[in-house]
N, C-alpha and C. Protein backbone atom coordinates (compact mmCIF):
# COMPACT_ATOMS: atom_id res chain seq x y z
N UNK A 1 1.57 5.22 16.23
CA UNK A 1 2.82 4.51 16.05
C UNK A 1 3.59 5.13 14.88
N UNK A 2 4.78 5.58 15.13
CA UNK A 2 5.62 6.15 14.09
C UNK A 2 6.50 5.04 13.51
N UNK A 3 6.53 4.98 12.21
CA UNK A 3 7.31 3.96 11.53
C UNK A 3 8.74 4.45 11.39
N UNK A 4 9.69 3.59 11.72
CA UNK A 4 11.10 3.94 11.64
C UNK A 4 11.66 3.48 10.30
N UNK A 5 11.45 4.30 9.29
CA UNK A 5 11.94 4.00 7.94
C UNK A 5 12.70 5.23 7.47
N UNK A 6 13.88 5.01 6.95
CA UNK A 6 14.65 6.12 6.40
C UNK A 6 14.02 6.51 5.08
N UNK A 7 13.25 7.57 5.12
CA UNK A 7 12.48 7.99 3.95
C UNK A 7 13.34 8.62 2.86
N UNK A 8 14.59 8.85 3.14
CA UNK A 8 15.49 9.38 2.11
C UNK A 8 16.06 8.26 1.25
N UNK A 9 15.78 7.03 1.62
CA UNK A 9 16.29 5.88 0.87
C UNK A 9 15.19 5.28 -0.01
N UNK A 10 15.61 4.63 -1.05
CA UNK A 10 14.68 4.00 -2.00
C UNK A 10 14.36 2.58 -1.54
N UNK A 11 13.34 2.01 -2.16
CA UNK A 11 13.05 0.59 -1.92
C UNK A 11 14.25 -0.26 -2.30
N UNK A 12 14.89 0.12 -3.38
CA UNK A 12 16.09 -0.60 -3.82
C UNK A 12 17.13 -0.65 -2.70
N UNK A 13 17.33 0.48 -2.02
CA UNK A 13 18.31 0.53 -0.93
C UNK A 13 17.79 -0.18 0.32
N UNK A 14 16.54 0.07 0.66
CA UNK A 14 15.98 -0.49 1.88
C UNK A 14 15.85 -2.01 1.82
N UNK A 15 15.51 -2.52 0.65
CA UNK A 15 15.34 -3.97 0.49
C UNK A 15 16.60 -4.64 -0.06
N UNK A 16 17.62 -3.83 -0.32
CA UNK A 16 18.91 -4.34 -0.83
C UNK A 16 18.71 -5.27 -2.02
N UNK A 17 17.98 -4.73 -3.00
CA UNK A 17 17.67 -5.52 -4.19
C UNK A 17 17.70 -4.59 -5.39
N UNK A 18 18.73 -4.73 -6.21
CA UNK A 18 18.87 -3.88 -7.40
C UNK A 18 18.17 -4.57 -8.57
N UNK A 19 17.22 -3.86 -9.15
CA UNK A 19 16.51 -4.39 -10.31
C UNK A 19 17.26 -4.02 -11.58
N UNK A 20 17.22 -4.91 -12.54
CA UNK A 20 17.76 -4.59 -13.86
C UNK A 20 16.79 -3.63 -14.55
N UNK A 21 17.29 -2.92 -15.53
CA UNK A 21 16.42 -2.01 -16.29
C UNK A 21 15.28 -2.81 -16.91
N UNK A 22 14.12 -2.17 -17.05
CA UNK A 22 13.01 -2.90 -17.67
C UNK A 22 13.36 -3.29 -19.10
N UNK A 23 12.86 -4.41 -19.56
CA UNK A 23 13.19 -4.88 -20.91
C UNK A 23 12.60 -3.94 -21.96
N UNK A 24 13.18 -3.96 -23.15
CA UNK A 24 12.60 -3.17 -24.24
C UNK A 24 11.14 -3.61 -24.44
N UNK A 25 10.29 -2.66 -24.68
CA UNK A 25 8.88 -2.98 -24.89
C UNK A 25 8.12 -3.23 -23.59
N UNK A 26 8.73 -2.89 -22.44
CA UNK A 26 8.05 -3.09 -21.16
C UNK A 26 6.76 -2.27 -21.13
N UNK A 27 5.80 -2.75 -20.42
CA UNK A 27 4.55 -2.02 -20.29
C UNK A 27 4.79 -0.73 -19.50
N UNK A 28 3.86 0.17 -19.60
CA UNK A 28 3.95 1.42 -18.84
C UNK A 28 3.98 1.13 -17.34
N UNK A 29 3.19 0.16 -16.92
CA UNK A 29 3.16 -0.23 -15.51
C UNK A 29 4.54 -0.72 -15.06
N UNK A 30 5.16 -1.58 -15.84
CA UNK A 30 6.49 -2.09 -15.49
C UNK A 30 7.51 -0.97 -15.43
N UNK A 31 7.49 -0.10 -16.42
CA UNK A 31 8.45 1.00 -16.45
C UNK A 31 8.25 1.94 -15.26
N UNK A 32 7.00 2.22 -14.92
CA UNK A 32 6.71 3.09 -13.78
C UNK A 32 7.17 2.45 -12.48
N UNK A 33 6.85 1.18 -12.29
CA UNK A 33 7.27 0.48 -11.07
C UNK A 33 8.79 0.47 -10.94
N UNK A 34 9.48 0.24 -12.04
CA UNK A 34 10.95 0.26 -12.00
C UNK A 34 11.47 1.63 -11.60
N UNK A 35 10.88 2.67 -12.15
CA UNK A 35 11.32 4.03 -11.82
C UNK A 35 11.06 4.34 -10.35
N UNK A 36 9.92 3.93 -9.84
CA UNK A 36 9.57 4.20 -8.44
C UNK A 36 10.46 3.41 -7.48
N UNK A 37 10.92 2.24 -7.90
CA UNK A 37 11.76 1.38 -7.08
C UNK A 37 13.02 2.11 -6.61
N UNK A 38 13.51 3.02 -7.44
CA UNK A 38 14.77 3.69 -7.10
C UNK A 38 14.58 5.11 -6.56
N UNK A 39 13.35 5.53 -6.35
CA UNK A 39 13.08 6.86 -5.78
C UNK A 39 13.03 6.78 -4.26
N UNK A 40 13.46 7.82 -3.56
CA UNK A 40 13.33 7.83 -2.09
C UNK A 40 11.86 7.61 -1.69
N UNK A 41 11.63 6.73 -0.74
CA UNK A 41 10.24 6.41 -0.36
C UNK A 41 9.50 7.62 0.20
N UNK A 42 10.23 8.57 0.75
CA UNK A 42 9.60 9.78 1.27
C UNK A 42 9.04 10.68 0.20
N UNK A 43 9.40 10.44 -1.05
CA UNK A 43 8.89 11.26 -2.16
C UNK A 43 7.73 10.60 -2.88
N UNK A 44 7.37 9.38 -2.48
CA UNK A 44 6.29 8.67 -3.16
C UNK A 44 4.94 9.31 -2.85
N UNK A 45 4.15 9.49 -3.88
CA UNK A 45 2.82 10.07 -3.74
C UNK A 45 1.80 8.98 -3.38
N UNK A 46 0.58 9.40 -3.11
CA UNK A 46 -0.51 8.43 -2.87
C UNK A 46 -0.64 7.51 -4.08
N UNK A 47 -0.58 8.07 -5.27
CA UNK A 47 -0.68 7.25 -6.49
C UNK A 47 0.48 6.27 -6.59
N UNK A 48 1.68 6.72 -6.26
CA UNK A 48 2.83 5.82 -6.30
C UNK A 48 2.64 4.66 -5.32
N UNK A 49 2.20 4.97 -4.11
CA UNK A 49 1.95 3.92 -3.12
C UNK A 49 0.89 2.96 -3.62
N UNK A 50 -0.20 3.49 -4.16
CA UNK A 50 -1.29 2.65 -4.67
C UNK A 50 -0.77 1.70 -5.75
N UNK A 51 0.00 2.24 -6.68
CA UNK A 51 0.49 1.44 -7.78
C UNK A 51 1.42 0.33 -7.27
N UNK A 52 2.40 0.67 -6.46
CA UNK A 52 3.37 -0.32 -5.97
C UNK A 52 2.71 -1.36 -5.07
N UNK A 53 1.87 -0.92 -4.14
CA UNK A 53 1.19 -1.86 -3.25
C UNK A 53 0.27 -2.77 -4.04
N UNK A 54 -0.41 -2.23 -5.03
CA UNK A 54 -1.29 -3.04 -5.87
C UNK A 54 -0.54 -4.12 -6.64
N UNK A 55 0.76 -3.93 -6.82
CA UNK A 55 1.60 -4.92 -7.49
C UNK A 55 2.39 -5.77 -6.49
N UNK A 56 2.10 -5.61 -5.20
CA UNK A 56 2.80 -6.34 -4.13
C UNK A 56 4.30 -6.06 -4.12
N UNK A 57 4.65 -4.82 -4.40
CA UNK A 57 6.05 -4.42 -4.42
C UNK A 57 6.37 -3.64 -3.15
N UNK A 58 7.42 -4.06 -2.45
CA UNK A 58 7.90 -3.31 -1.29
C UNK A 58 6.94 -3.26 -0.11
N UNK A 59 6.11 -4.26 0.05
CA UNK A 59 5.07 -4.21 1.09
C UNK A 59 5.60 -3.98 2.50
N UNK A 60 6.71 -4.60 2.91
CA UNK A 60 7.18 -4.36 4.29
C UNK A 60 7.49 -2.89 4.56
N UNK A 61 7.90 -2.17 3.55
CA UNK A 61 8.22 -0.75 3.69
C UNK A 61 6.99 0.11 3.43
N UNK A 62 6.25 -0.22 2.38
CA UNK A 62 5.18 0.67 1.92
C UNK A 62 3.88 0.55 2.69
N UNK A 63 3.54 -0.63 3.19
CA UNK A 63 2.28 -0.74 3.94
C UNK A 63 2.26 0.16 5.19
N UNK A 64 3.33 0.21 5.98
CA UNK A 64 3.31 1.14 7.11
C UNK A 64 3.15 2.60 6.67
N UNK A 65 3.78 2.96 5.56
CA UNK A 65 3.64 4.33 5.05
C UNK A 65 2.21 4.59 4.59
N UNK A 66 1.62 3.62 3.92
CA UNK A 66 0.24 3.76 3.46
C UNK A 66 -0.73 3.87 4.63
N UNK A 67 -0.52 3.08 5.67
CA UNK A 67 -1.40 3.15 6.84
C UNK A 67 -1.28 4.53 7.50
N UNK A 68 -0.10 5.11 7.49
CA UNK A 68 0.05 6.49 8.00
C UNK A 68 -0.81 7.45 7.21
N UNK A 69 -0.76 7.34 5.88
CA UNK A 69 -1.58 8.20 5.02
C UNK A 69 -3.05 7.98 5.31
N UNK A 70 -3.46 6.71 5.40
CA UNK A 70 -4.86 6.38 5.62
C UNK A 70 -5.36 6.81 6.99
N UNK A 71 -4.48 6.85 7.95
CA UNK A 71 -4.86 7.33 9.29
C UNK A 71 -5.32 8.79 9.20
N UNK A 72 -4.62 9.58 8.39
CA UNK A 72 -4.96 10.99 8.22
C UNK A 72 -6.10 11.20 7.24
N UNK A 73 -6.16 10.35 6.21
CA UNK A 73 -7.18 10.50 5.17
C UNK A 73 -7.54 9.12 4.63
N UNK A 74 -8.51 8.45 5.25
CA UNK A 74 -8.85 7.08 4.84
C UNK A 74 -9.25 6.94 3.38
N UNK A 75 -9.73 8.00 2.78
CA UNK A 75 -10.15 7.92 1.39
C UNK A 75 -9.17 8.63 0.46
N UNK A 76 -7.89 8.64 0.87
CA UNK A 76 -6.85 9.25 0.03
C UNK A 76 -6.96 8.69 -1.38
N UNK A 77 -6.76 9.57 -2.35
CA UNK A 77 -7.00 9.21 -3.73
C UNK A 77 -5.76 9.38 -4.58
N UNK A 78 -5.43 8.33 -5.33
CA UNK A 78 -4.39 8.42 -6.34
C UNK A 78 -5.03 8.90 -7.62
N UNK A 79 -4.80 8.17 -8.71
CA UNK A 79 -5.35 8.58 -10.00
C UNK A 79 -6.58 7.78 -10.41
N UNK A 80 -7.07 6.92 -9.54
CA UNK A 80 -8.17 6.05 -9.96
C UNK A 80 -9.52 6.52 -9.42
N UNK A 81 -9.68 6.54 -8.11
CA UNK A 81 -10.96 6.92 -7.51
C UNK A 81 -10.74 7.22 -6.03
N UNK A 82 -11.68 7.89 -5.42
CA UNK A 82 -11.59 8.19 -4.00
C UNK A 82 -11.49 6.87 -3.24
N UNK A 83 -10.46 6.75 -2.41
CA UNK A 83 -10.26 5.53 -1.64
C UNK A 83 -9.45 4.47 -2.35
N UNK A 84 -8.83 4.81 -3.47
CA UNK A 84 -8.09 3.78 -4.22
C UNK A 84 -6.87 3.25 -3.47
N UNK A 85 -6.23 4.09 -2.65
CA UNK A 85 -5.12 3.59 -1.83
C UNK A 85 -5.65 2.58 -0.81
N UNK A 86 -6.75 2.91 -0.17
CA UNK A 86 -7.36 2.00 0.79
C UNK A 86 -7.71 0.68 0.11
N UNK A 87 -8.28 0.75 -1.07
CA UNK A 87 -8.63 -0.46 -1.81
C UNK A 87 -7.40 -1.32 -2.08
N UNK A 88 -6.31 -0.70 -2.48
CA UNK A 88 -5.08 -1.46 -2.74
C UNK A 88 -4.56 -2.11 -1.47
N UNK A 89 -4.57 -1.38 -0.37
CA UNK A 89 -4.06 -1.90 0.89
C UNK A 89 -4.94 -3.04 1.40
N UNK A 90 -6.24 -2.87 1.34
CA UNK A 90 -7.17 -3.88 1.86
C UNK A 90 -7.10 -5.20 1.12
N UNK A 91 -6.73 -5.17 -0.12
CA UNK A 91 -6.79 -6.38 -0.95
C UNK A 91 -5.47 -7.16 -1.00
N UNK A 92 -4.53 -6.83 -0.15
CA UNK A 92 -3.31 -7.63 -0.09
C UNK A 92 -3.65 -8.99 0.50
N UNK A 93 -2.85 -9.97 0.19
CA UNK A 93 -3.05 -11.34 0.66
C UNK A 93 -3.12 -11.38 2.18
N UNK A 94 -4.00 -12.20 2.70
CA UNK A 94 -4.18 -12.28 4.16
C UNK A 94 -2.89 -12.69 4.88
N UNK A 95 -1.99 -13.39 4.20
CA UNK A 95 -0.71 -13.77 4.83
C UNK A 95 0.11 -12.53 5.18
N UNK A 96 -0.03 -11.48 4.39
CA UNK A 96 0.67 -10.22 4.68
C UNK A 96 0.21 -9.69 6.04
N UNK A 97 -1.09 -9.73 6.27
CA UNK A 97 -1.64 -9.19 7.52
C UNK A 97 -1.33 -10.10 8.70
N UNK A 98 -1.23 -11.39 8.47
CA UNK A 98 -0.83 -12.30 9.55
C UNK A 98 0.59 -11.99 10.00
N UNK A 99 1.43 -11.58 9.06
CA UNK A 99 2.83 -11.24 9.38
C UNK A 99 2.96 -9.85 9.99
N UNK A 100 1.92 -9.04 9.85
CA UNK A 100 1.94 -7.65 10.35
C UNK A 100 0.70 -7.38 11.19
N UNK A 101 0.53 -8.07 12.31
CA UNK A 101 -0.72 -7.94 13.07
C UNK A 101 -0.98 -6.53 13.60
N UNK A 102 0.06 -5.79 13.94
CA UNK A 102 -0.16 -4.43 14.44
C UNK A 102 -0.70 -3.53 13.34
N UNK A 103 -0.16 -3.66 12.15
CA UNK A 103 -0.68 -2.88 11.02
C UNK A 103 -2.12 -3.28 10.71
N UNK A 104 -2.41 -4.57 10.77
CA UNK A 104 -3.77 -5.05 10.53
C UNK A 104 -4.72 -4.47 11.58
N UNK A 105 -4.27 -4.40 12.82
CA UNK A 105 -5.10 -3.84 13.89
C UNK A 105 -5.38 -2.36 13.62
N UNK A 106 -4.34 -1.63 13.24
CA UNK A 106 -4.51 -0.21 12.94
C UNK A 106 -5.46 0.00 11.77
N UNK A 107 -5.32 -0.80 10.73
CA UNK A 107 -6.17 -0.67 9.57
C UNK A 107 -7.62 -1.04 9.91
N UNK A 108 -7.80 -2.04 10.73
CA UNK A 108 -9.14 -2.42 11.17
C UNK A 108 -9.80 -1.26 11.92
N UNK A 109 -9.03 -0.58 12.75
CA UNK A 109 -9.54 0.59 13.48
C UNK A 109 -9.92 1.69 12.50
N UNK A 110 -9.08 1.95 11.52
CA UNK A 110 -9.33 3.01 10.54
C UNK A 110 -10.63 2.72 9.77
N UNK A 111 -10.77 1.51 9.26
CA UNK A 111 -11.96 1.20 8.45
C UNK A 111 -13.22 1.08 9.30
N UNK A 112 -13.04 0.81 10.59
CA UNK A 112 -14.20 0.71 11.48
C UNK A 112 -14.97 2.01 11.61
N UNK A 113 -14.31 3.12 11.37
CA UNK A 113 -14.96 4.41 11.50
C UNK A 113 -15.49 4.97 10.19
N UNK A 114 -15.46 4.19 9.13
CA UNK A 114 -15.89 4.70 7.83
C UNK A 114 -17.35 4.38 7.55
N UNK A 115 -18.02 5.31 6.90
CA UNK A 115 -19.39 5.09 6.45
C UNK A 115 -19.53 5.69 5.07
N UNK A 116 -20.64 5.47 4.44
CA UNK A 116 -20.92 6.01 3.10
C UNK A 116 -19.85 5.62 2.08
N UNK A 117 -19.41 4.38 2.15
CA UNK A 117 -18.44 3.88 1.17
C UNK A 117 -19.17 3.35 -0.06
N UNK A 118 -18.47 3.35 -1.18
CA UNK A 118 -19.04 2.73 -2.37
C UNK A 118 -19.24 1.24 -2.08
N UNK A 119 -20.16 0.60 -2.79
CA UNK A 119 -20.35 -0.84 -2.58
C UNK A 119 -19.06 -1.65 -2.76
N UNK A 120 -18.25 -1.28 -3.74
CA UNK A 120 -17.00 -2.00 -4.00
C UNK A 120 -16.04 -1.86 -2.81
N UNK A 121 -15.87 -0.63 -2.33
CA UNK A 121 -14.95 -0.40 -1.21
C UNK A 121 -15.50 -1.05 0.07
N UNK A 122 -16.80 -0.98 0.28
CA UNK A 122 -17.42 -1.62 1.46
C UNK A 122 -17.15 -3.12 1.42
N UNK A 123 -17.26 -3.72 0.25
CA UNK A 123 -17.00 -5.16 0.10
C UNK A 123 -15.55 -5.49 0.43
N UNK A 124 -14.63 -4.65 -0.01
CA UNK A 124 -13.21 -4.86 0.29
C UNK A 124 -12.95 -4.75 1.79
N UNK A 125 -13.60 -3.79 2.43
CA UNK A 125 -13.47 -3.63 3.89
C UNK A 125 -13.97 -4.89 4.58
N UNK A 126 -15.13 -5.37 4.19
CA UNK A 126 -15.71 -6.55 4.83
C UNK A 126 -14.83 -7.79 4.65
N UNK A 127 -14.28 -7.96 3.44
CA UNK A 127 -13.40 -9.12 3.20
C UNK A 127 -12.13 -9.01 4.04
N UNK A 128 -11.56 -7.80 4.12
CA UNK A 128 -10.36 -7.60 4.92
C UNK A 128 -10.63 -7.91 6.38
N UNK A 129 -11.68 -7.33 6.94
CA UNK A 129 -11.99 -7.53 8.36
C UNK A 129 -12.25 -9.00 8.64
N UNK A 130 -12.98 -9.67 7.75
CA UNK A 130 -13.23 -11.09 7.93
C UNK A 130 -11.96 -11.91 7.89
N UNK A 131 -11.08 -11.60 6.97
CA UNK A 131 -9.83 -12.34 6.84
C UNK A 131 -8.94 -12.13 8.06
N UNK A 132 -8.88 -10.89 8.56
CA UNK A 132 -8.05 -10.58 9.73
C UNK A 132 -8.60 -11.28 10.97
N UNK A 133 -9.92 -11.30 11.11
CA UNK A 133 -10.52 -11.93 12.28
C UNK A 133 -10.34 -13.45 12.26
N UNK A 134 -10.26 -14.02 11.07
CA UNK A 134 -10.10 -15.48 10.94
C UNK A 134 -8.66 -15.95 10.93
N UNK A 135 -7.71 -15.01 11.00
CA UNK A 135 -6.30 -15.44 10.95
C UNK A 135 -5.70 -15.59 12.32
């Protein structure tokens, strides 16, 4: 399934929501998220996706992009650890997956073929699959 998202546009443009500049003394995380909000989504790296998704920012746009990445490389790595993008995606609220059943189905298929995962990532997979099956 190809996602129809204009990758030359930013989350700010796609979600029609202009953020104010981060306040003085903003954390590095806040400043980074603000900067990424205005970048074209097609330029976002695995780390950028991991960071924004982990903060529940831009999920309607970014989750389909992340699932595309995970389809090609389920253990895609940002700056944290192998599979950190998968970990961020799997741990979104179950209501997100109820609203996106096709994405949940695709992600369930992707994780179904994985083995030799770390105990932490395996636990996240199991919680995700259980939550999707119970929704």
